[in-house]
Every structure is written in structure tokens, then in C-alpha cells.
C-alpha atoms as a PDB file:
ATOM      1  CA  MET A   1     152.442 123.891  93.014  1.00  0.00           C
ATOM      2  CA  SER A   2     154.597 121.137  94.889  1.00  0.00           C
ATOM      3  CA  GLU A   3     153.171 117.881  95.013  1.00  0.00           C
ATOM      4  CA  THR A   4     152.392 117.654  98.669  1.00  0.00           C
ATOM      5  CA  ALA A   5     150.324 121.416  97.946  1.00  0.00           C
ATOM      6  CA  ARG A   6     148.666 119.526  94.460  1.00  0.00           C
ATOM      7  CA  LYS A   7     147.883 116.839  96.926  1.00  0.00           C
ATOM      8  CA  ARG A   8     145.994 119.044  99.978  1.00  0.00           C
ATOM      9  CA  ALA A   9     144.213 121.080  96.983  1.00  0.00           C
ATOM     10  CA  ALA A  10     143.116 118.053  95.945  1.00  0.00           C
ATOM     11  CA  TYR A  11     141.973 116.707  99.286  1.00  0.00           C
ATOM     12  CA  ALA A  12     140.392 119.794 100.072  1.00  0.00           C
ATOM     13  CA  ASN A  13     138.137 119.749  97.354  1.00  0.00           C
ATOM     14  CA  GLY A  14     137.230 116.551  97.480  1.00  0.00           C
ATOM     15  CA  GLU A  15     135.856 117.430 101.041  1.00  0.00           C
ATOM     16  CA  ARG A  16     134.323 120.030 100.201  1.00  0.00           C
ATOM     17  CA  LYS A  17     133.039 118.340  97.142  1.00  0.00           C
ATOM     18  CA  ARG A  18     131.819 115.757 100.111  1.00  0.00           C
ATOM     19  CA  ALA A  19     130.253 118.602 102.408  1.00  0.00           C
ATOM     20  CA  GLU A  20     128.016 119.977  98.910  1.00  0.00           C
ATOM     21  CA  ILE A  21     126.942 116.215  98.263  1.00  0.00           C
ATOM     22  CA  VAL A  22     125.620 115.615 101.805  1.00  0.00           C
ATOM     23  CA  ASP A  23     123.992 119.028 101.866  1.00  0.00           C
ATOM     24  CA  ALA A  24     122.068 118.164  99.233  1.00  0.00           C
ATOM     25  CA  ALA A  25     121.407 115.040  99.748  1.00  0.00           C
ATOM     26  CA  LEU A  26     119.882 116.012 102.675  1.00  0.00           C
ATOM     27  CA  ALA A  27     117.350 118.083 100.972  1.00  0.00           C
ATOM     28  CA  VAL A  28     116.435 115.515  98.636  1.00  0.00           C
ATOM     29  CA  PHE A  29     115.767 113.024 101.329  1.00  0.00           C
ATOM     30  CA  ALA A  30     113.766 115.395 103.263  1.00  0.00           C
ATOM     31  CA  ALA A  31     111.392 116.482 100.689  1.00  0.00           C
ATOM     32  CA  LYS A  32     111.525 112.594  98.663  1.00  0.00           C
ATOM     33  CA  GLY A  33     112.685 110.013 101.238  1.00  0.00           C
ATOM     34  CA  PHE A  34     115.748 107.575 100.786  1.00  0.00           C
ATOM     35  CA  ARG A  35     113.996 103.971 100.148  1.00  0.00           C
ATOM     36  CA  ARG A  36     112.495 104.514  96.346  1.00  0.00           C
ATOM     37  CA  PHE A  37     115.521 105.932  94.792  1.00  0.00           C
ATOM     38  CA  SER A  38     119.004 104.414  93.883  1.00  0.00           C
ATOM     39  CA  LEU A  39     122.154 105.095  94.044  1.00  0.00           C
ATOM     40  CA  ARG A  40     122.200 106.608  90.145  1.00  0.00           C
ATOM     41  CA  GLN A  41     118.978 108.410  90.829  1.00  0.00           C
ATOM     42  CA  ILE A  42     120.046 110.268  93.438  1.00  0.00           C
ATOM     43  CA  ALA A  43     122.979 111.399  91.629  1.00  0.00           C
ATOM     44  CA  GLU A  44     120.541 112.683  88.870  1.00  0.00           C
ATOM     45  CA  GLU A  45     118.819 114.634  91.999  1.00  0.00           C
ATOM     46  CA  LEU A  46     121.401 115.933  93.401  1.00  0.00           C
ATOM     47  CA  GLY A  47     123.018 116.638  89.775  1.00  0.00           C
ATOM     48  CA  THR A  48     126.029 114.778  90.399  1.00  0.00           C
ATOM     49  CA  THR A  49     127.408 111.721  88.781  1.00  0.00           C
ATOM     50  CA  HIS A  50     126.503 108.233  89.863  1.00  0.00           C
ATOM     51  CA  VAL A  51     130.724 107.689  89.613  1.00  0.00           C
ATOM     52  CA  SER A  52     131.015 110.637  92.108  1.00  0.00           C
ATOM     53  CA  LEU A  53     128.920 109.377  94.419  1.00  0.00           C
ATOM     54  CA  ARG A  54     130.357 105.814  94.874  1.00  0.00           C
ATOM     55  CA  TYR A  55     133.788 107.745  94.782  1.00  0.00           C
ATOM     56  CA  HIS A  56     132.824 109.900  97.745  1.00  0.00           C
ATOM     57  CA  PHE A  57     130.502 107.364  99.542  1.00  0.00           C
ATOM     58  CA  GLY A  58     130.460 103.809  98.291  1.00  0.00           C
ATOM     59  CA  THR A  59     126.929 103.316  98.466  1.00  0.00           C
ATOM     60  CA  LYS A  60     123.561 104.665  99.196  1.00  0.00           C
ATOM     61  CA  ASP A  61     122.967 103.457 102.739  1.00  0.00           C
ATOM     62  CA  ALA A  62     127.229 105.027 103.699  1.00  0.00           C
ATOM     63  CA  LEU A  63     125.568 108.280 101.457  1.00  0.00           C
ATOM     64  CA  LEU A  64     122.075 108.467 104.122  1.00  0.00           C
ATOM     65  CA  GLU A  65     124.430 107.695 107.198  1.00  0.00           C
ATOM     66  CA  ALA A  66     127.074 110.953 106.337  1.00  0.00           C
ATOM     67  CA  VAL A  67     124.336 113.500 105.875  1.00  0.00           C
ATOM     68  CA  LEU A  68     122.691 111.885 109.167  1.00  0.00           C
ATOM     69  CA  GLU A  69     125.568 112.032 111.161  1.00  0.00           C
ATOM     70  CA  GLU A  70     126.422 115.587 109.498  1.00  0.00           C
ATOM     71  CA  ARG A  71     123.214 116.760 110.571  1.00  0.00           C
ATOM     72  CA  GLU A  72     123.852 115.895 114.287  1.00  0.00           C
ATOM     73  CA  GLU A  73     127.080 117.032 114.401  1.00  0.00           C
ATOM     74  CA  ARG A  74     125.371 120.299 113.442  1.00  0.00           C
ATOM     75  CA  ASP A  75     122.251 120.377 115.429  1.00  0.00           C
ATOM     76  CA  ARG A  76     123.522 118.289 118.447  1.00  0.00           C
ATOM     77  CA  PRO A  77     125.645 121.166 120.378  1.00  0.00           C
ATOM     78  CA  TRP A  78     123.155 124.341 119.906  1.00  0.00           C
ATOM     79  CA  ARG A  79     120.550 122.087 121.294  1.00  0.00           C
ATOM     80  CA  GLU A  80     122.136 120.894 124.208  1.00  0.00           C
ATOM     81  CA  GLN A  81     122.950 124.575 125.176  1.00  0.00           C
ATOM     82  CA  VAL A  82     119.794 125.863 125.172  1.00  0.00           C
ATOM     83  CA  LEU A  83     118.523 122.875 126.942  1.00  0.00           C
ATOM     84  CA  ARG A  84     121.766 123.494 129.209  1.00  0.00           C
ATOM     85  CA  GLU A  85     120.913 127.209 129.913  1.00  0.00           C
ATOM     86  CA  LYS A  86     117.090 126.872 129.429  1.00  0.00           C
ATOM     87  CA  GLY A  87     115.696 123.696 131.255  1.00  0.00           C
ATOM     88  CA  LEU A  88     113.315 121.326 129.836  1.00  0.00           C
ATOM     89  CA  PHE A  89     110.027 123.975 130.473  1.00  0.00           C
ATOM     90  CA  ASP A  90     111.341 126.737 128.307  1.00  0.00           C
ATOM     91  CA  GLY A  91     114.327 125.211 126.071  1.00  0.00           C
ATOM     92  CA  VAL A  92     111.877 121.866 124.730  1.00  0.00           C
ATOM     93  CA  PRO A  93     109.742 124.206 123.102  1.00  0.00           C
ATOM     94  CA  GLU A  94     112.583 126.842 122.091  1.00  0.00           C
ATOM     95  CA  VAL A  95     113.921 123.929 120.107  1.00  0.00           C
ATOM     96  CA  ILE A  96     110.576 123.275 118.532  1.00  0.00           C
ATOM     97  CA  ARG A  97     109.902 126.977 117.712  1.00  0.00           C
ATOM     98  CA  TRP A  98     113.713 126.232 115.704  1.00  0.00           C
ATOM     99  CA  ASN A  99     112.294 123.346 113.707  1.00  0.00           C
ATOM    100  CA  ARG A 100     109.513 125.220 112.001  1.00  0.00           C
ATOM    101  CA  THR A 101     112.372 127.206 110.174  1.00  0.00           C
ATOM    102  CA  ARG A 102     113.417 123.677 109.197  1.00  0.00           C
ATOM    103  CA  ARG A 103     110.838 121.941 107.351  1.00  0.00           C
ATOM    104  CA  GLY A 104     112.758 119.392 105.592  1.00  0.00           C
ATOM    105  CA  VAL A 105     114.658 118.350 108.535  1.00  0.00           C
ATOM    106  CA  VAL A 106     111.574 117.470 110.774  1.00  0.00           C
ATOM    107  CA  HIS A 107     110.361 116.173 107.316  1.00  0.00           C
ATOM    108  CA  LEU A 108     113.216 113.798 107.351  1.00  0.00           C
ATOM    109  CA  ASP A 109     112.897 113.204 110.532  1.00  0.00           C
ATOM    110  CA  ALA A 110     109.509 112.041 110.307  1.00  0.00           C
ATOM    111  CA  THR A 111     110.361 109.471 107.239  1.00  0.00           C
ATOM    112  CA  LEU A 112     112.958 107.970 108.854  1.00  0.00           C
ATOM    113  CA  LEU A 113     111.089 107.058 112.009  1.00  0.00           C
ATOM    114  CA  ALA A 114     108.379 105.873 109.925  1.00  0.00           C
ATOM    115  CA  GLU A 115     110.604 103.679 107.673  1.00  0.00           C
ATOM    116  CA  GLY A 116     113.440 102.917 109.991  1.00  0.00           C
ATOM    117  CA  ILE A 117     110.656 100.861 111.351  1.00  0.00           C
ATOM    118  CA  ALA A 118     111.634  97.825 109.581  1.00  0.00           C
ATOM    119  CA  PRO A 119     114.742  95.656 110.948  1.00  0.00           C
ATOM    120  CA  ASP A 120     116.138  95.716 107.766  1.00  0.00           C
ATOM    121  CA  HIS A 121     116.168  99.345 106.698  1.00  0.00           C
ATOM    122  CA  PRO A 122     119.575 100.933 106.498  1.00  0.00           C
ATOM    123  CA  VAL A 123     118.849 103.602 109.189  1.00  0.00           C
ATOM    124  CA  HIS A 124     117.138 101.173 111.562  1.00  0.00           C
ATOM    125  CA  GLU A 125     119.976 100.980 114.291  1.00  0.00           C
ATOM    126  CA  PHE A 126     120.912 104.826 113.856  1.00  0.00           C
ATOM    127  CA  VAL A 127     116.726 106.158 114.569  1.00  0.00           C
ATOM    128  CA  ARG A 128     116.798 102.774 117.377  1.00  0.00           C
ATOM    129  CA  ARG A 129     119.640 104.973 119.261  1.00  0.00           C
ATOM    130  CA  ARG A 130     119.065 108.193 118.287  1.00  0.00           C
ATOM    131  CA  GLU A 131     115.359 107.587 120.026  1.00  0.00           C
ATOM    132  CA  GLN A 132     117.305 106.048 123.063  1.00  0.00           C
ATOM    133  CA  ARG A 133     119.390 109.230 122.826  1.00  0.00           C
ATOM    134  CA  PHE A 134     116.496 111.256 122.779  1.00  0.00           C
ATOM    135  CA  HIS A 135     114.656 109.873 125.681  1.00  0.00           C
ATOM    136  CA  ALA A 136     117.834 109.540 127.788  1.00  0.00           C
ATOM    137  CA  ASP A 137     118.227 113.563 127.202  1.00  0.00           C
ATOM    138  CA  LEU A 138     114.668 114.362 127.463  1.00  0.00           C
ATOM    139  CA  ARG A 139     114.713 112.143 131.032  1.00  0.00           C
ATOM    140  CA  GLU A 140     117.743 113.671 132.687  1.00  0.00           C
ATOM    141  CA  LEU A 141     115.926 117.384 131.840  1.00  0.00           C
ATOM    142  CA  VAL A 142     112.910 115.970 133.366  1.00  0.00           C
ATOM    143  CA  GLU A 143     114.478 114.786 136.688  1.00  0.00           C
ATOM    144  CA  LEU A 144     116.266 117.477 136.863  1.00  0.00           C
ATOM    145  CA  GLU A 145     113.425 119.798 136.843  1.00  0.00           C
ATOM    146  CA  ARG A 146     112.478 117.013 139.999  1.00  0.00           C
ATOM    147  CA  ASP A 147     115.176 117.182 141.773  1.00  0.00           C
ATOM    148  CA  ARG A 148     114.925 121.316 141.980  1.00  0.00           C
ATOM    149  CA  GLY A 149     111.131 121.414 142.968  1.00  0.00           C
ATOM    150  CA  ARG A 150     109.964 122.763 139.876  1.00  0.00           C
ATOM    151  CA  LEU A 151     108.379 119.322 138.492  1.00  0.00           C
ATOM    152  CA  ARG A 152     104.708 118.490 140.172  1.00  0.00           C
ATOM    153  CA  ALA A 153     104.660 116.305 142.580  1.00  0.00           C
ATOM    154  CA  GLY A 154     103.941 112.654 142.576  1.00  0.00           C
ATOM    155  CA  LEU A 155     104.783 112.564 138.086  1.00  0.00           C
ATOM    156  CA  ASP A 156     106.564 109.590 137.183  1.00  0.00           C
ATOM    157  CA  PRO A 157     109.976 110.523 135.245  1.00  0.00           C
ATOM    158  CA  ASP A 158     109.343 107.401 132.683  1.00  0.00           C
ATOM    159  CA  VAL A 159     105.780 108.266 132.195  1.00  0.00           C
ATOM    160  CA  VAL A 160     106.489 112.204 131.758  1.00  0.00           C
ATOM    161  CA  THR A 161     109.229 111.375 129.391  1.00  0.00           C
ATOM    162  CA  ARG A 162     107.509 108.793 126.676  1.00  0.00           C
ATOM    163  CA  GLN A 163     104.855 111.220 127.418  1.00  0.00           C
ATOM    164  CA  LEU A 164     107.285 114.199 126.083  1.00  0.00           C
ATOM    165  CA  VAL A 165     108.509 112.190 123.508  1.00  0.00           C
ATOM    166  CA  ALA A 166     105.183 111.326 121.828  1.00  0.00           C
ATOM    167  CA  LEU A 167     103.894 114.630 121.908  1.00  0.00           C
ATOM    168  CA  ILE A 168     107.217 115.949 120.410  1.00  0.00           C
ATOM    169  CA  GLU A 169     107.232 113.855 117.522  1.00  0.00           C
ATOM    170  CA  GLY A 170     103.660 113.308 117.298  1.00  0.00           C
ATOM    171  CA  LEU A 171     102.391 117.636 116.848  1.00  0.00           C
ATOM    172  CA  GLN A 172     105.485 117.625 114.114  1.00  0.00           C
ATOM    173  CA  THR A 173     104.012 115.096 112.043  1.00  0.00           C
ATOM    174  CA  GLN A 174     100.770 116.884 112.115  1.00  0.00           C
ATOM    175  CA  TRP A 175     102.851 120.190 111.720  1.00  0.00           C
ATOM    176  CA  LEU A 176     103.848 118.561 108.730  1.00  0.00           C
ATOM    177  CA  TYR A 177     100.302 117.975 107.265  1.00  0.00           C
ATOM    178  CA  ASP A 178      98.935 121.311 108.239  1.00  0.00           C
ATOM    179  CA  GLU A 179     101.708 123.952 108.891  1.00  0.00           C
ATOM    180  CA  ASN A 180      99.142 126.313 111.167  1.00  0.00           C
ATOM    181  CA  VAL A 181     100.159 123.339 114.343  1.00  0.00           C
ATOM    182  CA  GLU A 182     101.307 125.643 116.457  1.00  0.00           C
ATOM    183  CA  VAL A 183     103.866 122.670 117.837  1.00  0.00           C
ATOM    184  CA  SER A 184     105.672 124.859 120.013  1.00  0.00           C
ATOM    185  CA  ALA A 185     101.918 126.349 121.651  1.00  0.00           C
ATOM    186  CA  HIS A 186     100.754 122.970 122.267  1.00  0.00           C
ATOM    187  CA  LEU A 187     103.809 122.305 123.927  1.00  0.00           C
ATOM    188  CA  SER A 188     104.305 124.737 126.176  1.00  0.00           C
ATOM    189  CA  ALA A 189     100.942 124.210 127.628  1.00  0.00           C
ATOM    190  CA  PHE A 190     101.939 120.454 128.276  1.00  0.00           C
ATOM    191  CA  MET A 191     104.483 121.785 130.213  1.00  0.00           C
ATOM    192  CA  ASN A 192     102.578 124.321 131.932  1.00  0.00           C
ATOM    193  CA  TYR A 193     100.758 120.867 133.112  1.00  0.00           C
ATOM    194  CA  LEU A 194     103.830 119.447 134.195  1.00  0.00           C
ATOM    195  CA  ARG A 195     105.297 122.199 136.275  1.00  0.00           C
ATOM    196  CA  ALA A 196     105.142 122.815 140.504  1.00  0.00           C
END
């Protein structure tokens, strides 16, 4: 094997290992949070070494950032397609139904939403930007429904958007405590209030 081929193989193996760590870290962070673990403890939870985590990510914060970015890269295209095709009233409940199959991801989001309030938390800015983007995406959908004449007359898009964000995040948190909470059904019922 040539030196170039050896380097390519080593790089591919390194990328594969990095992806495996990110996947495993998502599960650990979703189930157990982030703040209470050191990088060494995270390595133990992941079944790898502290040296390997340091090599691939450098710091605990960098690992968390990689996990969040990877998850967003995986989820966003599908979510955008569903919302583009089905619109606000049918698309948002479908996305939420899909979340029922991903308890760990919902748990991670709820945990980071709470932990990230602290300005010194490593995800504070990430969560703030994600919330702003979530609000902007939903507002765009609300305005689109209004412009198409499908939103009940007299509703303020800003108020509706804030209500939707609060409803989605609140219901999903309730579902984490009690899986009998039908988040998409409650959300669909609220959507019926919004329809023209």
C-alpha cells in the first residue's frame, strides 16, 4: 500500500471513529445531560478513551458542539421538506409525530434549553441562535398561511408564533414526563383554532 493510500485509510478511519463518538455522545447527553460530566467521564460512558476524545475533539465543549451540529445537519433537510410540502397546519404536527420516535433527541433539546439559559454555559449561544431560527421559521410559515388566506383573520403572526413555540416546547417537556401526552394531537387541535 502506498503512503498516500495509507494516509487516506487513516483519515477515513479517523472520520468513522469521530462519527461513532458523535452518535454515542448524542445518546449519553440526551439521557444524562452534559454539565455534570468531565471529558474523562464522558469517555467512560462512551466506551472509549480520554485520549481518543481529546484527539478527535479537544474539549468537552467541542464534542457537544459537534454533536449538536451533526444532529442539525441530519434533521433540518427533512424537516424543511415536510414543512415546505405540508405547510404549517399539517407539517408541524408531522414533525412532532416523528419526534415521538426520538425520545433521546427531545430529551437532549429540553435539557439544553434549560441548561443553556446560563450565559456561561457552552451551548448558550447555540441554543439562543437555534431558538431564534425556530421562531423565524415558524413565523414565516404563519405569514405564508395568512397570505394564502388560511389563517384566522385578526391574528398577530408574532403572537401566534410565540404561542406555537411555547406550545411545542412545553408539550414535548410534558411528554418526557408522561408518554401518554399526545403532543401532535394537542398541536393539531391548536392548529384548528388558527385556521380561517
